[in-house]
Amino acid sequence: MSKSTTVIESEKSKLFTVRFVISLLLVVAGIAWLVFYYTQARGNPLAFPPTKGSPKAVADLGDWNYAIGFGLLMLGLVVSAHPSTPLGRGRGVVVGMLACFLVGLLWICTFYVFSNDLSSIWIFNDLGQWNLVVGIAFMAVGFSFATKWE
């Protein structure tokens, strides 16, 4: 027995459904995690001697913090592709799809253009070659929107 994909009409007319609020919270939490880690918990590896970040529990995760932050961000975008959210129906699907494709493309192009000296670009300087994975992940999320396009 397959799961029903119909969306209740009252959900289609509402702007802030539960799923949309959850997706917004996930996106904001992902961005907040990335900003907090980069500005506070990471410390300053370029200082001499390198300074440790705090809180120690977050700083000890190291590069996994980027996986957590980008994971929350991507999960929030995927959740927002459901038809009960504004980005999951009508023109929102096209907007979400194209936005994810363009952000992914810009992420990869920025990485390639500045790959000789990434030290001045936040987050890019820590990720190194993993910037390609982030760009491709944005594009993959764009495909989750593309599957909803009618």
C-alpha atoms as a PDB file:
ATOM      1  CA  MET A   1       0.000   0.000   0.000  1.00  0.00           C
ATOM      2  CA  SER A   2       1.540   3.267  -1.066  1.00  0.00           C
ATOM      3  CA  LYS A   3       1.526   6.409   0.966  1.00  0.00           C
ATOM      4  CA  SER A   4      -0.908   9.095  -0.111  1.00  0.00           C
ATOM      5  CA  THR A   5       0.712  12.164  -1.608  1.00  0.00           C
ATOM      6  CA  THR A   6      -2.350  14.365  -1.467  1.00  0.00           C
ATOM      7  CA  VAL A   7      -2.109  17.544   0.514  1.00  0.00           C
ATOM      8  CA  ILE A   8      -5.112  18.862   2.391  1.00  0.00           C
ATOM      9  CA  GLU A   9      -6.477  22.049   0.841  1.00  0.00           C
ATOM     10  CA  SER A  10      -6.181  23.918   4.140  1.00  0.00           C
ATOM     11  CA  GLU A  11      -2.450  23.122   4.172  1.00  0.00           C
ATOM     12  CA  LYS A  12      -2.056  24.491   0.652  1.00  0.00           C
ATOM     13  CA  SER A  13      -3.640  27.805   1.550  1.00  0.00           C
ATOM     14  CA  LYS A  14      -1.651  28.302   4.767  1.00  0.00           C
ATOM     15  CA  LEU A  15       1.718  29.973   4.507  1.00  0.00           C
ATOM     16  CA  PHE A  16       3.218  28.754   7.775  1.00  0.00           C
ATOM     17  CA  THR A  17       2.559  25.054   8.059  1.00  0.00           C
ATOM     18  CA  VAL A  18       4.318  22.931  10.657  1.00  0.00           C
ATOM     19  CA  ARG A  19       6.600  21.458   8.000  1.00  0.00           C
ATOM     20  CA  PHE A  20       7.543  24.917   6.731  1.00  0.00           C
ATOM     21  CA  VAL A  21       8.357  26.160  10.234  1.00  0.00           C
ATOM     22  CA  ILE A  22      10.485  23.059  10.838  1.00  0.00           C
ATOM     23  CA  SER A  23      12.324  23.607   7.561  1.00  0.00           C
ATOM     24  CA  LEU A  24      12.968  27.249   8.436  1.00  0.00           C
ATOM     25  CA  LEU A  25      14.256  26.257  11.869  1.00  0.00           C
ATOM     26  CA  LEU A  26      16.574  23.648  10.351  1.00  0.00           C
ATOM     27  CA  VAL A  27      17.989  26.127   7.833  1.00  0.00           C
ATOM     28  CA  VAL A  28      18.491  28.805  10.482  1.00  0.00           C
ATOM     29  CA  ALA A  29      20.012  26.266  12.892  1.00  0.00           C
ATOM     30  CA  GLY A  30      22.441  25.101  10.207  1.00  0.00           C
ATOM     31  CA  ILE A  31      23.546  28.625   9.392  1.00  0.00           C
ATOM     32  CA  ALA A  32      23.791  29.511  13.086  1.00  0.00           C
ATOM     33  CA  TRP A  33      25.885  26.398  13.771  1.00  0.00           C
ATOM     34  CA  LEU A  34      28.294  27.283  10.969  1.00  0.00           C
ATOM     35  CA  VAL A  35      28.623  30.892  12.104  1.00  0.00           C
ATOM     36  CA  PHE A  36      29.046  29.931  15.767  1.00  0.00           C
ATOM     37  CA  TYR A  37      31.668  27.314  15.003  1.00  0.00           C
ATOM     38  CA  TYR A  38      33.633  29.534  12.662  1.00  0.00           C
ATOM     39  CA  THR A  39      33.589  32.616  14.876  1.00  0.00           C
ATOM     40  CA  GLN A  40      33.724  31.095  18.378  1.00  0.00           C
ATOM     41  CA  ALA A  41      34.399  27.396  18.714  1.00  0.00           C
ATOM     42  CA  ARG A  42      37.038  27.052  16.011  1.00  0.00           C
ATOM     43  CA  GLY A  43      39.557  29.322  17.639  1.00  0.00           C
ATOM     44  CA  ASN A  44      42.204  30.856  15.421  1.00  0.00           C
ATOM     45  CA  PRO A  45      44.398  28.285  13.693  1.00  0.00           C
ATOM     46  CA  LEU A  46      46.298  31.051  11.875  1.00  0.00           C
ATOM     47  CA  ALA A  47      47.503  32.721  15.075  1.00  0.00           C
ATOM     48  CA  PHE A  48      50.939  31.945  16.435  1.00  0.00           C
ATOM     49  CA  PRO A  49      50.605  29.904  18.575  1.00  0.00           C
ATOM     50  CA  PRO A  50      47.174  28.673  17.433  1.00  0.00           C
ATOM     51  CA  THR A  51      44.408  29.484  19.904  1.00  0.00           C
ATOM     52  CA  LYS A  52      41.885  26.935  21.093  1.00  0.00           C
ATOM     53  CA  GLY A  53      38.185  27.559  20.707  1.00  0.00           C
ATOM     54  CA  SER A  54      35.435  27.183  23.232  1.00  0.00           C
ATOM     55  CA  PRO A  55      33.219  25.441  24.192  1.00  0.00           C
ATOM     56  CA  LYS A  56      35.630  22.543  24.099  1.00  0.00           C
ATOM     57  CA  ALA A  57      32.960  19.951  23.253  1.00  0.00           C
ATOM     58  CA  VAL A  58      32.123  21.761  20.018  1.00  0.00           C
ATOM     59  CA  ALA A  59      35.728  22.636  19.217  1.00  0.00           C
ATOM     60  CA  ASP A  60      36.767  18.988  19.610  1.00  0.00           C
ATOM     61  CA  LEU A  61      34.415  17.977  16.801  1.00  0.00           C
ATOM     62  CA  GLY A  62      36.656  19.832  14.369  1.00  0.00           C
ATOM     63  CA  ASP A  63      35.560  19.582  10.763  1.00  0.00           C
ATOM     64  CA  TRP A  64      32.515  17.550  11.762  1.00  0.00           C
ATOM     65  CA  ASN A  65      30.983  20.876  12.732  1.00  0.00           C
ATOM     66  CA  TYR A  66      30.773  21.715   9.050  1.00  0.00           C
ATOM     67  CA  ALA A  67      29.008  18.411   8.380  1.00  0.00           C
ATOM     68  CA  ILE A  68      26.515  19.227  11.140  1.00  0.00           C
ATOM     69  CA  GLY A  69      25.913  22.788   9.952  1.00  0.00           C
ATOM     70  CA  PHE A  70      25.628  22.022   6.261  1.00  0.00           C
ATOM     71  CA  GLY A  71      23.655  18.866   7.043  1.00  0.00           C
ATOM     72  CA  LEU A  72      21.050  20.868   8.959  1.00  0.00           C
ATOM     73  CA  LEU A  73      20.938  23.452   6.182  1.00  0.00           C
ATOM     74  CA  MET A  74      20.479  20.862   3.431  1.00  0.00           C
ATOM     75  CA  LEU A  75      17.938  18.890   5.467  1.00  0.00           C
ATOM     76  CA  GLY A  76      15.912  22.055   5.991  1.00  0.00           C
ATOM     77  CA  LEU A  77      15.921  22.724   2.263  1.00  0.00           C
ATOM     78  CA  VAL A  78      14.878  19.155   1.458  1.00  0.00           C
ATOM     79  CA  VAL A  79      12.048  19.325   4.009  1.00  0.00           C
ATOM     80  CA  SER A  80      10.871  22.580   2.424  1.00  0.00           C
ATOM     81  CA  ALA A  81      10.417  20.819  -0.934  1.00  0.00           C
ATOM     82  CA  HIS A  82       7.209  19.165   0.309  1.00  0.00           C
ATOM     83  CA  PRO A  83       3.962  20.369  -1.338  1.00  0.00           C
ATOM     84  CA  SER A  84       2.602  21.608   1.999  1.00  0.00           C
ATOM     85  CA  THR A  85       5.242  24.358   2.113  1.00  0.00           C
ATOM     86  CA  PRO A  86       5.382  27.475  -0.072  1.00  0.00           C
ATOM     87  CA  LEU A  87       8.614  26.280  -1.707  1.00  0.00           C
ATOM     88  CA  GLY A  88       7.084  22.909  -2.502  1.00  0.00           C
ATOM     89  CA  ARG A  89       4.228  24.051  -4.695  1.00  0.00           C
ATOM     90  CA  GLY A  90       3.653  26.279  -7.685  1.00  0.00           C
ATOM     91  CA  ARG A  91       6.397  28.727  -8.510  1.00  0.00           C
ATOM     92  CA  GLY A  92       8.144  28.004  -5.235  1.00  0.00           C
ATOM     93  CA  VAL A  93       9.448  24.740  -6.647  1.00  0.00           C
ATOM     94  CA  VAL A  94      11.138  26.522  -9.526  1.00  0.00           C
ATOM     95  CA  VAL A  95      12.507  29.206  -7.221  1.00  0.00           C
ATOM     96  CA  GLY A  96      13.886  26.625  -4.778  1.00  0.00           C
ATOM     97  CA  MET A  97      15.328  24.470  -7.545  1.00  0.00           C
ATOM     98  CA  LEU A  98      17.040  27.306  -9.396  1.00  0.00           C
ATOM     99  CA  ALA A  99      18.270  28.901  -6.174  1.00  0.00           C
ATOM    100  CA  CYS A 100      19.896  25.652  -5.038  1.00  0.00           C
ATOM    101  CA  PHE A 101      21.434  25.054  -8.461  1.00  0.00           C
ATOM    102  CA  LEU A 102      22.810  28.595  -8.611  1.00  0.00           C
ATOM    103  CA  VAL A 103      24.140  28.568  -5.044  1.00  0.00           C
ATOM    104  CA  GLY A 104      25.882  25.265  -5.761  1.00  0.00           C
ATOM    105  CA  LEU A 105      27.335  26.587  -8.998  1.00  0.00           C
ATOM    106  CA  LEU A 106      28.478  29.822  -7.361  1.00  0.00           C
ATOM    107  CA  TRP A 107      29.999  27.882  -4.459  1.00  0.00           C
ATOM    108  CA  ILE A 108      32.064  25.727  -6.812  1.00  0.00           C
ATOM    109  CA  CYS A 109      33.027  28.642  -9.083  1.00  0.00           C
ATOM    110  CA  THR A 110      34.075  30.745  -6.091  1.00  0.00           C
ATOM    111  CA  PHE A 111      36.191  27.869  -4.849  1.00  0.00           C
ATOM    112  CA  TYR A 112      37.897  27.456  -8.220  1.00  0.00           C
ATOM    113  CA  VAL A 113      38.479  31.170  -8.773  1.00  0.00           C
ATOM    114  CA  PHE A 114      39.988  31.750  -5.332  1.00  0.00           C
ATOM    115  CA  SER A 115      41.550  28.312  -4.804  1.00  0.00           C
ATOM    116  CA  ASN A 116      45.089  29.716  -4.822  1.00  0.00           C
ATOM    117  CA  ASP A 117      44.404  31.804  -1.720  1.00  0.00           C
ATOM    118  CA  LEU A 118      41.288  30.894   0.247  1.00  0.00           C
ATOM    119  CA  SER A 119      42.602  32.395   3.484  1.00  0.00           C
ATOM    120  CA  SER A 120      40.404  35.487   3.235  1.00  0.00           C
ATOM    121  CA  ILE A 121      37.100  33.721   2.507  1.00  0.00           C
ATOM    122  CA  TRP A 122      35.169  32.484   5.527  1.00  0.00           C
ATOM    123  CA  ILE A 123      34.407  28.761   5.676  1.00  0.00           C
ATOM    124  CA  PHE A 124      36.043  28.178   2.287  1.00  0.00           C
ATOM    125  CA  ASN A 125      39.473  28.386   3.907  1.00  0.00           C
ATOM    126  CA  ASP A 126      38.707  25.543   6.329  1.00  0.00           C
ATOM    127  CA  LEU A 127      36.950  23.218   3.908  1.00  0.00           C
ATOM    128  CA  GLY A 128      39.577  23.004   1.180  1.00  0.00           C
ATOM    129  CA  GLN A 129      38.540  20.409  -1.404  1.00  0.00           C
ATOM    130  CA  TRP A 130      35.363  19.699   0.577  1.00  0.00           C
ATOM    131  CA  ASN A 131      34.004  22.899  -0.979  1.00  0.00           C
ATOM    132  CA  LEU A 132      33.239  20.797  -4.042  1.00  0.00           C
ATOM    133  CA  VAL A 133      31.094  18.480  -1.925  1.00  0.00           C
ATOM    134  CA  VAL A 134      29.183  21.449  -0.509  1.00  0.00           C
ATOM    135  CA  GLY A 135      28.508  22.824  -3.989  1.00  0.00           C
ATOM    136  CA  ILE A 136      27.390  19.451  -5.291  1.00  0.00           C
ATOM    137  CA  ALA A 137      25.189  18.986  -2.202  1.00  0.00           C
ATOM    138  CA  PHE A 138      23.387  22.242  -2.983  1.00  0.00           C
ATOM    139  CA  MET A 139      22.816  20.971  -6.509  1.00  0.00           C
ATOM    140  CA  ALA A 140      21.537  17.643  -5.176  1.00  0.00           C
ATOM    141  CA  VAL A 141      19.025  19.503  -3.025  1.00  0.00           C
ATOM    142  CA  GLY A 142      18.012  21.358  -6.183  1.00  0.00           C
ATOM    143  CA  PHE A 143      17.177  17.998  -7.717  1.00  0.00           C
ATOM    144  CA  SER A 144      14.900  17.244  -4.770  1.00  0.00           C
ATOM    145  CA  PHE A 145      12.960  20.352  -5.776  1.00  0.00           C
ATOM    146  CA  ALA A 146      13.064  19.293  -9.429  1.00  0.00           C
ATOM    147  CA  THR A 147      11.273  16.047  -8.604  1.00  0.00           C
ATOM    148  CA  LYS A 148       8.340  18.095  -7.268  1.00  0.00           C
ATOM    149  CA  TRP A 149       8.024  20.223 -10.402  1.00  0.00           C
ATOM    150  CA  GLU A 150       4.851  19.592 -12.378  1.00  0.00           C
END
